[in-house]
């Protein structure tokens, strides 16, 4: 059981580092302040699957530990739990959309390492219905498109991002 407790404590510390705002956006509470020398984003939006993977990971670790101690089997649950915790960590640390003073960054998927840094004056169109968000921008002389849907971000976050991008375009 000690490893299950360690997993539970780790999961709770991840939840402590998340803050849900009134508009449904999940923001990271940064431990490193302005003294770190890094430019901190004004607002970030993370995948809504973080909590799901965290619960799945901790639950499978606990089940695996119980099965190992009682029956001598449970390796599959331990592996699934470990993979789910890694996925929760990636979902927690890799914001899909981050707003900065002069630009916004987009990430098409949580596991992709590359962000697309787009200046606000390069934004061309922000569209979509209540379940989707389509962003068109120009970069390097080409028009690029980023799409998000309700499976990645909740409806409130999608609407908040649309509103913020439209405000940035009108400046």
C-alpha atoms as a PDB file:
ATOM      1  CA  UNK A   1       0.000   0.000   0.000  1.00  0.00           C
ATOM      2  CA  UNK A   2       2.792   2.577   0.508  1.00  0.00           C
ATOM      3  CA  UNK A   3       3.189   3.103  -3.249  1.00  0.00           C
ATOM      4  CA  UNK A   4      -0.554   3.735  -3.568  1.00  0.00           C
ATOM      5  CA  UNK A   5      -0.319   6.352  -0.862  1.00  0.00           C
ATOM      6  CA  UNK A   6       2.620   7.987  -2.635  1.00  0.00           C
ATOM      7  CA  UNK A   7       0.547   8.066  -5.848  1.00  0.00           C
ATOM      8  CA  UNK A   8      -2.400   9.556  -4.006  1.00  0.00           C
ATOM      9  CA  UNK A   9      -0.257  12.264  -2.416  1.00  0.00           C
ATOM     10  CA  UNK A  10       1.289  13.053  -5.807  1.00  0.00           C
ATOM     11  CA  UNK A  11      -2.138  13.284  -7.392  1.00  0.00           C
ATOM     12  CA  UNK A  12      -3.390  15.597  -4.686  1.00  0.00           C
ATOM     13  CA  UNK A  13      -0.370  17.862  -5.145  1.00  0.00           C
ATOM     14  CA  UNK A  14      -1.182  18.132  -8.855  1.00  0.00           C
ATOM     15  CA  UNK A  15      -4.756  19.104  -8.007  1.00  0.00           C
ATOM     16  CA  UNK A  16      -3.459  21.719  -5.551  1.00  0.00           C
ATOM     17  CA  UNK A  17      -1.492  23.328  -8.382  1.00  0.00           C
ATOM     18  CA  UNK A  18      -4.627  23.758 -10.506  1.00  0.00           C
ATOM     19  CA  UNK A  19      -7.115  26.566 -10.066  1.00  0.00           C
ATOM     20  CA  UNK A  20     -10.530  26.695 -11.717  1.00  0.00           C
ATOM     21  CA  UNK A  21     -11.621  30.242 -12.491  1.00  0.00           C
ATOM     22  CA  UNK A  22     -15.191  31.494 -12.592  1.00  0.00           C
ATOM     23  CA  UNK A  23     -15.352  31.196 -16.380  1.00  0.00           C
ATOM     24  CA  UNK A  24     -14.392  27.512 -16.453  1.00  0.00           C
ATOM     25  CA  UNK A  25     -10.755  28.016 -17.417  1.00  0.00           C
ATOM     26  CA  UNK A  26      -8.216  25.903 -15.624  1.00  0.00           C
ATOM     27  CA  UNK A  27      -5.119  27.883 -14.804  1.00  0.00           C
ATOM     28  CA  UNK A  28      -1.831  26.747 -13.336  1.00  0.00           C
ATOM     29  CA  UNK A  29      -0.755  28.378 -10.133  1.00  0.00           C
ATOM     30  CA  UNK A  30       2.882  29.143 -10.794  1.00  0.00           C
ATOM     31  CA  UNK A  31       5.345  28.390  -8.025  1.00  0.00           C
ATOM     32  CA  UNK A  32       7.990  30.470  -9.797  1.00  0.00           C
ATOM     33  CA  UNK A  33       7.106  34.128  -9.666  1.00  0.00           C
ATOM     34  CA  UNK A  34       8.355  37.119 -11.589  1.00  0.00           C
ATOM     35  CA  UNK A  35      11.796  36.607 -10.026  1.00  0.00           C
ATOM     36  CA  UNK A  36      12.400  33.529 -12.187  1.00  0.00           C
ATOM     37  CA  UNK A  37      13.146  35.630 -15.284  1.00  0.00           C
ATOM     38  CA  UNK A  38      10.624  33.696 -17.377  1.00  0.00           C
ATOM     39  CA  UNK A  39       7.749  35.412 -19.086  1.00  0.00           C
ATOM     40  CA  UNK A  40       4.624  34.022 -17.491  1.00  0.00           C
ATOM     41  CA  UNK A  41       1.445  33.740 -19.555  1.00  0.00           C
ATOM     42  CA  UNK A  42      -1.453  35.962 -18.626  1.00  0.00           C
ATOM     43  CA  UNK A  43      -3.882  33.057 -18.955  1.00  0.00           C
ATOM     44  CA  UNK A  44      -3.616  29.399 -19.963  1.00  0.00           C
ATOM     45  CA  UNK A  45      -6.154  26.776 -20.960  1.00  0.00           C
ATOM     46  CA  UNK A  46      -5.398  23.121 -20.341  1.00  0.00           C
ATOM     47  CA  UNK A  47      -7.032  19.975 -21.651  1.00  0.00           C
ATOM     48  CA  UNK A  48     -10.094  18.994 -19.682  1.00  0.00           C
ATOM     49  CA  UNK A  49      -8.841  15.383 -19.453  1.00  0.00           C
ATOM     50  CA  UNK A  50      -6.282  16.051 -16.693  1.00  0.00           C
ATOM     51  CA  UNK A  51      -8.550  15.018 -13.818  1.00  0.00           C
ATOM     52  CA  UNK A  52      -9.804  11.957 -15.700  1.00  0.00           C
ATOM     53  CA  UNK A  53      -6.267  10.657 -16.240  1.00  0.00           C
ATOM     54  CA  UNK A  54      -5.314  11.466 -12.646  1.00  0.00           C
ATOM     55  CA  UNK A  55      -8.248   9.500 -11.226  1.00  0.00           C
ATOM     56  CA  UNK A  56      -7.643   6.644 -13.667  1.00  0.00           C
ATOM     57  CA  UNK A  57      -3.960   6.524 -12.731  1.00  0.00           C
ATOM     58  CA  UNK A  58      -4.387   6.621  -8.965  1.00  0.00           C
ATOM     59  CA  UNK A  59      -7.306   4.175  -9.110  1.00  0.00           C
ATOM     60  CA  UNK A  60      -5.369   1.643 -11.159  1.00  0.00           C
ATOM     61  CA  UNK A  61      -2.317   1.959  -8.923  1.00  0.00           C
ATOM     62  CA  UNK A  62      -4.435   1.233  -5.855  1.00  0.00           C
ATOM     63  CA  UNK A  63      -6.178  -1.710  -7.539  1.00  0.00           C
ATOM     64  CA  UNK A  64      -2.820  -3.051  -8.742  1.00  0.00           C
ATOM     65  CA  UNK A  65      -1.305  -2.803  -5.255  1.00  0.00           C
ATOM     66  CA  UNK A  66      -4.247  -4.584  -3.649  1.00  0.00           C
ATOM     67  CA  UNK A  67      -4.175  -7.328  -6.290  1.00  0.00           C
ATOM     68  CA  UNK A  68      -0.397  -7.728  -5.895  1.00  0.00           C
ATOM     69  CA  UNK A  69      -0.632  -8.071  -2.131  1.00  0.00           C
ATOM     70  CA  UNK A  70      -3.634 -10.429  -2.131  1.00  0.00           C
ATOM     71  CA  UNK A  71      -3.273 -12.477  -5.297  1.00  0.00           C
ATOM     72  CA  UNK A  72       0.263 -11.875  -6.516  1.00  0.00           C
ATOM     73  CA  UNK A  73      -1.030 -10.409  -9.786  1.00  0.00           C
ATOM     74  CA  UNK A  74      -1.833  -6.866 -10.791  1.00  0.00           C
ATOM     75  CA  UNK A  75       1.074  -5.767 -12.959  1.00  0.00           C
ATOM     76  CA  UNK A  76      -1.290  -4.691 -15.732  1.00  0.00           C
ATOM     77  CA  UNK A  77      -3.086  -2.293 -13.388  1.00  0.00           C
ATOM     78  CA  UNK A  78       0.227  -0.879 -12.178  1.00  0.00           C
ATOM     79  CA  UNK A  79       1.345  -0.236 -15.765  1.00  0.00           C
ATOM     80  CA  UNK A  80      -1.997   1.313 -16.736  1.00  0.00           C
ATOM     81  CA  UNK A  81      -1.880   3.473 -13.615  1.00  0.00           C
ATOM     82  CA  UNK A  82       1.642   4.646 -14.396  1.00  0.00           C
ATOM     83  CA  UNK A  83       0.792   5.483 -17.999  1.00  0.00           C
ATOM     84  CA  UNK A  84      -2.341   7.353 -16.919  1.00  0.00           C
ATOM     85  CA  UNK A  85      -0.337   9.408 -14.393  1.00  0.00           C
ATOM     86  CA  UNK A  86       2.177  10.324 -17.103  1.00  0.00           C
ATOM     87  CA  UNK A  87      -0.745  11.366 -19.331  1.00  0.00           C
ATOM     88  CA  UNK A  88      -2.184  13.452 -16.463  1.00  0.00           C
ATOM     89  CA  UNK A  89       1.187  15.143 -16.014  1.00  0.00           C
ATOM     90  CA  UNK A  90       1.410  15.955 -19.736  1.00  0.00           C
ATOM     91  CA  UNK A  91      -2.148  17.302 -19.755  1.00  0.00           C
ATOM     92  CA  UNK A  92      -1.357  19.401 -16.687  1.00  0.00           C
ATOM     93  CA  UNK A  93       1.935  20.879 -17.894  1.00  0.00           C
ATOM     94  CA  UNK A  94       1.227  21.426 -21.597  1.00  0.00           C
ATOM     95  CA  UNK A  95      -1.335  24.178 -22.048  1.00  0.00           C
ATOM     96  CA  UNK A  96      -3.333  24.045 -25.278  1.00  0.00           C
ATOM     97  CA  UNK A  97      -3.763  27.842 -25.451  1.00  0.00           C
ATOM     98  CA  UNK A  98      -1.633  30.437 -23.635  1.00  0.00           C
ATOM     99  CA  UNK A  99      -2.170  34.188 -23.784  1.00  0.00           C
ATOM    100  CA  UNK A 100       0.803  36.535 -23.435  1.00  0.00           C
ATOM    101  CA  UNK A 101       1.091  40.305 -23.703  1.00  0.00           C
ATOM    102  CA  UNK A 102       1.920  40.416 -27.426  1.00  0.00           C
ATOM    103  CA  UNK A 103       1.063  36.956 -28.700  1.00  0.00           C
ATOM    104  CA  UNK A 104      -0.836  33.739 -28.141  1.00  0.00           C
ATOM    105  CA  UNK A 105       0.483  30.175 -28.353  1.00  0.00           C
ATOM    106  CA  UNK A 106      -1.489  27.228 -29.663  1.00  0.00           C
ATOM    107  CA  UNK A 107      -0.738  23.542 -29.211  1.00  0.00           C
ATOM    108  CA  UNK A 108      -2.694  21.170 -31.444  1.00  0.00           C
ATOM    109  CA  UNK A 109      -2.387  18.261 -29.016  1.00  0.00           C
ATOM    110  CA  UNK A 110      -1.083  17.783 -25.511  1.00  0.00           C
ATOM    111  CA  UNK A 111       1.625  15.309 -26.523  1.00  0.00           C
ATOM    112  CA  UNK A 112       3.000  17.419 -29.383  1.00  0.00           C
ATOM    113  CA  UNK A 113       6.062  19.357 -28.258  1.00  0.00           C
ATOM    114  CA  UNK A 114       5.718  22.361 -30.563  1.00  0.00           C
ATOM    115  CA  UNK A 115       3.738  25.471 -29.757  1.00  0.00           C
ATOM    116  CA  UNK A 116       2.655  27.855 -32.480  1.00  0.00           C
ATOM    117  CA  UNK A 117       3.489  31.391 -31.396  1.00  0.00           C
ATOM    118  CA  UNK A 118       1.142  33.833 -33.129  1.00  0.00           C
ATOM    119  CA  UNK A 119       1.207  37.599 -32.744  1.00  0.00           C
ATOM    120  CA  UNK A 120      -2.215  39.115 -32.212  1.00  0.00           C
ATOM    121  CA  UNK A 121      -1.933  41.195 -35.393  1.00  0.00           C
ATOM    122  CA  UNK A 122      -1.473  37.955 -37.402  1.00  0.00           C
ATOM    123  CA  UNK A 123      -4.901  36.629 -36.406  1.00  0.00           C
ATOM    124  CA  UNK A 124      -7.321  36.634 -39.352  1.00  0.00           C
ATOM    125  CA  UNK A 125     -10.492  34.933 -38.133  1.00  0.00           C
ATOM    126  CA  UNK A 126     -11.938  33.320 -35.023  1.00  0.00           C
ATOM    127  CA  UNK A 127     -15.001  31.203 -35.708  1.00  0.00           C
ATOM    128  CA  UNK A 128     -16.913  28.141 -34.588  1.00  0.00           C
ATOM    129  CA  UNK A 129     -20.093  27.190 -32.797  1.00  0.00           C
ATOM    130  CA  UNK A 130     -20.571  26.490 -29.091  1.00  0.00           C
ATOM    131  CA  UNK A 131     -18.765  23.126 -29.420  1.00  0.00           C
ATOM    132  CA  UNK A 132     -15.858  24.099 -31.664  1.00  0.00           C
ATOM    133  CA  UNK A 133     -13.253  26.793 -32.128  1.00  0.00           C
ATOM    134  CA  UNK A 134     -11.529  27.512 -35.449  1.00  0.00           C
ATOM    135  CA  UNK A 135      -8.663  30.007 -35.530  1.00  0.00           C
ATOM    136  CA  UNK A 136      -7.147  31.253 -38.781  1.00  0.00           C
ATOM    137  CA  UNK A 137      -3.916  33.209 -38.783  1.00  0.00           C
ATOM    138  CA  UNK A 138      -1.103  34.118 -41.123  1.00  0.00           C
ATOM    139  CA  UNK A 139       2.417  32.971 -40.436  1.00  0.00           C
ATOM    140  CA  UNK A 140       5.343  32.973 -42.814  1.00  0.00           C
ATOM    141  CA  UNK A 141       3.164  34.199 -45.682  1.00  0.00           C
ATOM    142  CA  UNK A 142       0.809  31.217 -45.348  1.00  0.00           C
ATOM    143  CA  UNK A 143      -2.596  30.909 -43.769  1.00  0.00           C
ATOM    144  CA  UNK A 144      -2.670  28.374 -40.928  1.00  0.00           C
ATOM    145  CA  UNK A 145      -5.639  26.899 -39.068  1.00  0.00           C
ATOM    146  CA  UNK A 146      -5.955  25.547 -35.520  1.00  0.00           C
ATOM    147  CA  UNK A 147      -9.111  23.741 -34.421  1.00  0.00           C
ATOM    148  CA  UNK A 148     -10.316  22.765 -30.963  1.00  0.00           C
ATOM    149  CA  UNK A 149     -13.530  21.031 -29.986  1.00  0.00           C
ATOM    150  CA  UNK A 150     -15.420  20.161 -26.818  1.00  0.00           C
ATOM    151  CA  UNK A 151     -13.476  16.902 -26.405  1.00  0.00           C
ATOM    152  CA  UNK A 152     -10.326  18.956 -25.766  1.00  0.00           C
ATOM    153  CA  UNK A 153     -11.639  22.037 -23.943  1.00  0.00           C
ATOM    154  CA  UNK A 154     -14.930  22.592 -22.171  1.00  0.00           C
ATOM    155  CA  UNK A 155     -17.565  24.911 -23.650  1.00  0.00           C
ATOM    156  CA  UNK A 156     -16.846  27.756 -21.244  1.00  0.00           C
ATOM    157  CA  UNK A 157     -13.140  27.676 -22.086  1.00  0.00           C
ATOM    158  CA  UNK A 158     -13.901  27.571 -25.838  1.00  0.00           C
ATOM    159  CA  UNK A 159     -16.153  30.619 -25.527  1.00  0.00           C
ATOM    160  CA  UNK A 160     -13.669  32.479 -23.322  1.00  0.00           C
ATOM    161  CA  UNK A 161     -10.837  31.862 -25.804  1.00  0.00           C
ATOM    162  CA  UNK A 162     -13.044  33.080 -28.675  1.00  0.00           C
ATOM    163  CA  UNK A 163     -13.872  36.243 -26.771  1.00  0.00           C
ATOM    164  CA  UNK A 164     -10.254  36.974 -25.855  1.00  0.00           C
ATOM    165  CA  UNK A 165      -9.005  36.358 -29.403  1.00  0.00           C
ATOM    166  CA  UNK A 166     -11.702  38.580 -30.887  1.00  0.00           C
ATOM    167  CA  UNK A 167     -10.754  41.347 -28.441  1.00  0.00           C
ATOM    168  CA  UNK A 168      -7.096  40.969 -29.411  1.00  0.00           C
ATOM    169  CA  UNK A 169      -8.000  41.192 -33.117  1.00  0.00           C
ATOM    170  CA  UNK A 170      -9.928  44.421 -32.593  1.00  0.00           C
ATOM    171  CA  UNK A 171      -7.023  46.230 -30.892  1.00  0.00           C
END
